[in-house]
Amino acid sequence: MDKLAEYKWHNLPIQEVSQYLDSNIETGLTATEVTKRKETFGTNELKAKRGKSSLLRFLLQFHQPLLYILLIAGAIKAFLGQWVNAGVIWGVTLINAIIGFVQESKAESAIAALASSVKTNTTIIRNRNKLQVPSTELIPGDIVL
């Protein structure tokens, strides 16, 4: 059971998978085996990737070719002493970055809310009983119906 990732599970017959996982197709896993495997493998969840900081997300709003051109145009205008034009160009660039940052923040919040609201249950066999469990409680060796 230590080398679970090495097998090509989709190619193996059911009996062979059951044998590798020390599971019984008829009865499922016992309560003690479930406890032991939960300690070994943990929950059936993907670990969320740590998000970018707000400052980095804001600065990344400027990481676009068109904004590079606008920032350079503003610098040229400032170098030529046309401060009003430079200010307008930089102002438009800043407003664009703020709008992009706000929209991205709202989108990330909406995605997080959707992800947390979706909970799936699965029917499995454990101790000869059919059970409905959250998908996060599945462990290697469970018989899923």
C-alpha atoms as a PDB file:
ATOM      1  CA  MET A   1       0.000   0.000   0.000  1.00  0.00           C
ATOM      2  CA  ASP A   2       3.014   2.289   0.239  1.00  0.00           C
ATOM      3  CA  LYS A   3       3.348   2.592  -3.534  1.00  0.00           C
ATOM      4  CA  LEU A   4      -0.219   3.574  -4.498  1.00  0.00           C
ATOM      5  CA  ALA A   5       0.862   6.194  -7.024  1.00  0.00           C
ATOM      6  CA  GLU A   6       2.865   3.658  -9.056  1.00  0.00           C
ATOM      7  CA  TYR A   7      -0.124   1.658 -10.302  1.00  0.00           C
ATOM      8  CA  LYS A   8      -2.123   2.421 -13.429  1.00  0.00           C
ATOM      9  CA  TRP A   9      -5.447   1.838 -11.671  1.00  0.00           C
ATOM     10  CA  HIS A  10      -7.611   2.394 -14.743  1.00  0.00           C
ATOM     11  CA  ASN A  11      -5.997  -0.615 -16.483  1.00  0.00           C
ATOM     12  CA  LEU A  12      -6.328  -3.123 -13.643  1.00  0.00           C
ATOM     13  CA  PRO A  13      -9.190  -5.603 -13.145  1.00  0.00           C
ATOM     14  CA  ILE A  14     -11.427  -5.000 -10.114  1.00  0.00           C
ATOM     15  CA  GLN A  15     -10.166  -8.070  -8.241  1.00  0.00           C
ATOM     16  CA  GLU A  16      -6.561  -6.960  -8.646  1.00  0.00           C
ATOM     17  CA  VAL A  17      -7.330  -3.441  -7.399  1.00  0.00           C
ATOM     18  CA  SER A  18      -9.121  -4.927  -4.405  1.00  0.00           C
ATOM     19  CA  GLN A  19      -6.118  -7.131  -3.684  1.00  0.00           C
ATOM     20  CA  TYR A  20      -3.597  -4.245  -3.909  1.00  0.00           C
ATOM     21  CA  LEU A  21      -5.707  -2.091  -1.590  1.00  0.00           C
ATOM     22  CA  ASP A  22      -6.431  -4.883   0.910  1.00  0.00           C
ATOM     23  CA  SER A  23     -10.143  -4.279   0.460  1.00  0.00           C
ATOM     24  CA  ASN A  24     -13.088  -6.667   0.181  1.00  0.00           C
ATOM     25  CA  ILE A  25     -15.546  -5.940  -2.632  1.00  0.00           C
ATOM     26  CA  GLU A  26     -18.443  -7.543  -0.725  1.00  0.00           C
ATOM     27  CA  THR A  27     -17.920  -6.109   2.761  1.00  0.00           C
ATOM     28  CA  GLY A  28     -15.835  -2.987   2.258  1.00  0.00           C
ATOM     29  CA  LEU A  29     -13.397  -1.790   4.885  1.00  0.00           C
ATOM     30  CA  THR A  30     -13.745  -2.374   8.618  1.00  0.00           C
ATOM     31  CA  ALA A  31     -14.017   0.520  11.069  1.00  0.00           C
ATOM     32  CA  THR A  32     -10.505  -0.076  12.396  1.00  0.00           C
ATOM     33  CA  GLU A  33      -9.076  -0.157   8.870  1.00  0.00           C
ATOM     34  CA  VAL A  34     -10.912   3.088   8.044  1.00  0.00           C
ATOM     35  CA  THR A  35      -9.405   4.788  11.092  1.00  0.00           C
ATOM     36  CA  LYS A  36      -5.932   3.508  10.265  1.00  0.00           C
ATOM     37  CA  ARG A  37      -6.147   4.644   6.624  1.00  0.00           C
ATOM     38  CA  LYS A  38      -7.511   8.069   7.566  1.00  0.00           C
ATOM     39  CA  GLU A  39      -4.439   8.567   9.736  1.00  0.00           C
ATOM     40  CA  THR A  40      -2.165   7.379   6.937  1.00  0.00           C
ATOM     41  CA  PHE A  41      -3.717   9.169   3.959  1.00  0.00           C
ATOM     42  CA  GLY A  42      -5.718  12.038   5.461  1.00  0.00           C
ATOM     43  CA  THR A  43      -8.853  13.484   3.901  1.00  0.00           C
ATOM     44  CA  ASN A  44      -9.793  13.281   0.236  1.00  0.00           C
ATOM     45  CA  GLU A  45      -9.304  16.990  -0.410  1.00  0.00           C
ATOM     46  CA  LEU A  46      -7.088  19.056  -2.630  1.00  0.00           C
ATOM     47  CA  LYS A  47      -4.965  21.505  -0.723  1.00  0.00           C
ATOM     48  CA  ALA A  48      -5.739  25.052  -1.782  1.00  0.00           C
ATOM     49  CA  LYS A  49      -2.871  26.956  -3.264  1.00  0.00           C
ATOM     50  CA  ARG A  50      -1.924  30.036  -1.296  1.00  0.00           C
ATOM     51  CA  GLY A  51      -3.178  33.127  -3.101  1.00  0.00           C
ATOM     52  CA  LYS A  52      -1.202  36.185  -4.081  1.00  0.00           C
ATOM     53  CA  SER A  53      -1.096  39.143  -1.735  1.00  0.00           C
ATOM     54  CA  SER A  54      -3.314  42.137  -2.484  1.00  0.00           C
ATOM     55  CA  LEU A  55      -0.300  44.313  -3.260  1.00  0.00           C
ATOM     56  CA  LEU A  56       1.071  41.795  -5.750  1.00  0.00           C
ATOM     57  CA  ARG A  57      -2.347  41.379  -7.403  1.00  0.00           C
ATOM     58  CA  PHE A  58      -2.594  45.168  -7.739  1.00  0.00           C
ATOM     59  CA  LEU A  59       0.906  45.485  -9.209  1.00  0.00           C
ATOM     60  CA  LEU A  60       0.164  42.677 -11.669  1.00  0.00           C
ATOM     61  CA  GLN A  61      -2.616  44.850 -13.101  1.00  0.00           C
ATOM     62  CA  PHE A  62       0.171  46.920 -14.679  1.00  0.00           C
ATOM     63  CA  HIS A  63       1.729  43.824 -16.263  1.00  0.00           C
ATOM     64  CA  GLN A  64       0.052  44.244 -19.646  1.00  0.00           C
ATOM     65  CA  PRO A  65       1.623  45.333 -22.953  1.00  0.00           C
ATOM     66  CA  LEU A  66      -0.863  48.155 -23.548  1.00  0.00           C
ATOM     67  CA  LEU A  67      -0.229  49.573 -20.085  1.00  0.00           C
ATOM     68  CA  TYR A  68       3.525  49.424 -20.703  1.00  0.00           C
ATOM     69  CA  ILE A  69       2.973  51.578 -23.775  1.00  0.00           C
ATOM     70  CA  LEU A  70       0.806  54.028 -21.818  1.00  0.00           C
ATOM     71  CA  LEU A  71       3.330  54.281 -18.980  1.00  0.00           C
ATOM     72  CA  ILE A  72       6.156  54.916 -21.454  1.00  0.00           C
ATOM     73  CA  ALA A  73       4.023  57.494 -23.288  1.00  0.00           C
ATOM     74  CA  GLY A  74       3.363  59.217 -19.957  1.00  0.00           C
ATOM     75  CA  ALA A  75       7.087  59.222 -19.172  1.00  0.00           C
ATOM     76  CA  ILE A  76       7.878  60.735 -22.576  1.00  0.00           C
ATOM     77  CA  LYS A  77       5.240  63.427 -22.048  1.00  0.00           C
ATOM     78  CA  ALA A  78       6.681  64.184 -18.605  1.00  0.00           C
ATOM     79  CA  PHE A  79      10.215  64.325 -20.040  1.00  0.00           C
ATOM     80  CA  LEU A  80       8.980  66.843 -22.632  1.00  0.00           C
ATOM     81  CA  GLY A  81       7.450  68.941 -19.876  1.00  0.00           C
ATOM     82  CA  GLN A  82       3.834  68.230 -20.832  1.00  0.00           C
ATOM     83  CA  TRP A  83       2.760  67.502 -17.284  1.00  0.00           C
ATOM     84  CA  VAL A  84      -0.979  67.678 -17.889  1.00  0.00           C
ATOM     85  CA  ASN A  85      -0.836  65.077 -20.659  1.00  0.00           C
ATOM     86  CA  ALA A  86       1.489  62.883 -18.585  1.00  0.00           C
ATOM     87  CA  GLY A  87      -0.873  63.168 -15.604  1.00  0.00           C
ATOM     88  CA  VAL A  88      -3.898  62.230 -17.710  1.00  0.00           C
ATOM     89  CA  ILE A  89      -2.123  59.196 -19.189  1.00  0.00           C
ATOM     90  CA  TRP A  90      -0.890  58.015 -15.796  1.00  0.00           C
ATOM     91  CA  GLY A  91      -4.315  58.702 -14.259  1.00  0.00           C
ATOM     92  CA  VAL A  92      -6.044  56.571 -16.887  1.00  0.00           C
ATOM     93  CA  THR A  93      -3.479  53.826 -16.299  1.00  0.00           C
ATOM     94  CA  LEU A  94      -4.055  53.962 -12.531  1.00  0.00           C
ATOM     95  CA  ILE A  95      -7.853  53.904 -12.904  1.00  0.00           C
ATOM     96  CA  ASN A  96      -7.559  50.906 -15.238  1.00  0.00           C
ATOM     97  CA  ALA A  97      -5.434  49.075 -12.661  1.00  0.00           C
ATOM     98  CA  ILE A  98      -7.877  49.871  -9.844  1.00  0.00           C
ATOM     99  CA  ILE A  99     -10.870  48.647 -11.861  1.00  0.00           C
ATOM    100  CA  GLY A 100      -9.031  45.453 -12.840  1.00  0.00           C
ATOM    101  CA  PHE A 101      -7.998  44.831  -9.222  1.00  0.00           C
ATOM    102  CA  VAL A 102     -11.558  45.287  -7.918  1.00  0.00           C
ATOM    103  CA  GLN A 103     -13.020  43.016 -10.609  1.00  0.00           C
ATOM    104  CA  GLU A 104     -10.413  40.332  -9.959  1.00  0.00           C
ATOM    105  CA  SER A 105     -11.064  40.498  -6.201  1.00  0.00           C
ATOM    106  CA  LYS A 106     -14.817  40.109  -6.714  1.00  0.00           C
ATOM    107  CA  ALA A 107     -14.284  37.194  -9.100  1.00  0.00           C
ATOM    108  CA  GLU A 108     -12.006  35.407  -6.619  1.00  0.00           C
ATOM    109  CA  SER A 109     -14.562  35.916  -3.845  1.00  0.00           C
ATOM    110  CA  ALA A 110     -17.333  34.510  -6.042  1.00  0.00           C
ATOM    111  CA  ILE A 111     -15.241  31.473  -6.970  1.00  0.00           C
ATOM    112  CA  ALA A 112     -14.389  30.829  -3.315  1.00  0.00           C
ATOM    113  CA  ALA A 113     -18.078  31.070  -2.358  1.00  0.00           C
ATOM    114  CA  LEU A 114     -19.046  28.616  -5.099  1.00  0.00           C
ATOM    115  CA  ALA A 115     -16.307  26.179  -4.139  1.00  0.00           C
ATOM    116  CA  SER A 116     -17.337  26.194  -0.484  1.00  0.00           C
ATOM    117  CA  SER A 117     -21.023  25.718  -1.311  1.00  0.00           C
ATOM    118  CA  VAL A 118     -20.493  22.590  -3.421  1.00  0.00           C
ATOM    119  CA  LYS A 119     -20.533  19.511  -1.205  1.00  0.00           C
ATOM    120  CA  THR A 120     -20.856  16.061  -2.746  1.00  0.00           C
ATOM    121  CA  ASN A 121     -21.810  12.806  -1.080  1.00  0.00           C
ATOM    122  CA  THR A 122     -20.865   9.333  -2.201  1.00  0.00           C
ATOM    123  CA  THR A 123     -22.428   5.934  -1.564  1.00  0.00           C
ATOM    124  CA  ILE A 124     -19.894   3.392  -0.328  1.00  0.00           C
ATOM    125  CA  ILE A 125     -19.752   0.000   1.375  1.00  0.00           C
ATOM    126  CA  ARG A 126     -18.096  -0.189   4.811  1.00  0.00           C
ATOM    127  CA  ASN A 127     -18.591  -2.990   7.358  1.00  0.00           C
ATOM    128  CA  ARG A 128     -21.124  -4.656   5.011  1.00  0.00           C
ATOM    129  CA  ASN A 129     -23.310  -1.513   5.113  1.00  0.00           C
ATOM    130  CA  LYS A 130     -24.177   0.955   2.390  1.00  0.00           C
ATOM    131  CA  LEU A 131     -23.356   4.438   3.645  1.00  0.00           C
ATOM    132  CA  GLN A 132     -23.678   7.965   2.308  1.00  0.00           C
ATOM    133  CA  VAL A 133     -20.521   9.888   3.207  1.00  0.00           C
ATOM    134  CA  PRO A 134     -19.102  13.237   2.103  1.00  0.00           C
ATOM    135  CA  SER A 135     -16.625  12.769  -0.744  1.00  0.00           C
ATOM    136  CA  THR A 136     -13.939  14.248   1.477  1.00  0.00           C
ATOM    137  CA  GLU A 137     -14.235  11.159   3.721  1.00  0.00           C
ATOM    138  CA  LEU A 138     -13.319   8.667   0.980  1.00  0.00           C
ATOM    139  CA  ILE A 139     -10.112   6.735   1.552  1.00  0.00           C
ATOM    140  CA  PRO A 140      -8.099   4.295  -0.567  1.00  0.00           C
ATOM    141  CA  GLY A 141      -9.848   0.931  -0.476  1.00  0.00           C
ATOM    142  CA  ASP A 142     -13.425   2.214  -0.154  1.00  0.00           C
ATOM    143  CA  ILE A 143     -15.941   0.415  -2.356  1.00  0.00           C
ATOM    144  CA  VAL A 144     -17.787   3.196  -4.185  1.00  0.00           C
ATOM    145  CA  LEU A 145     -21.198   2.371  -5.667  1.00  0.00           C
END
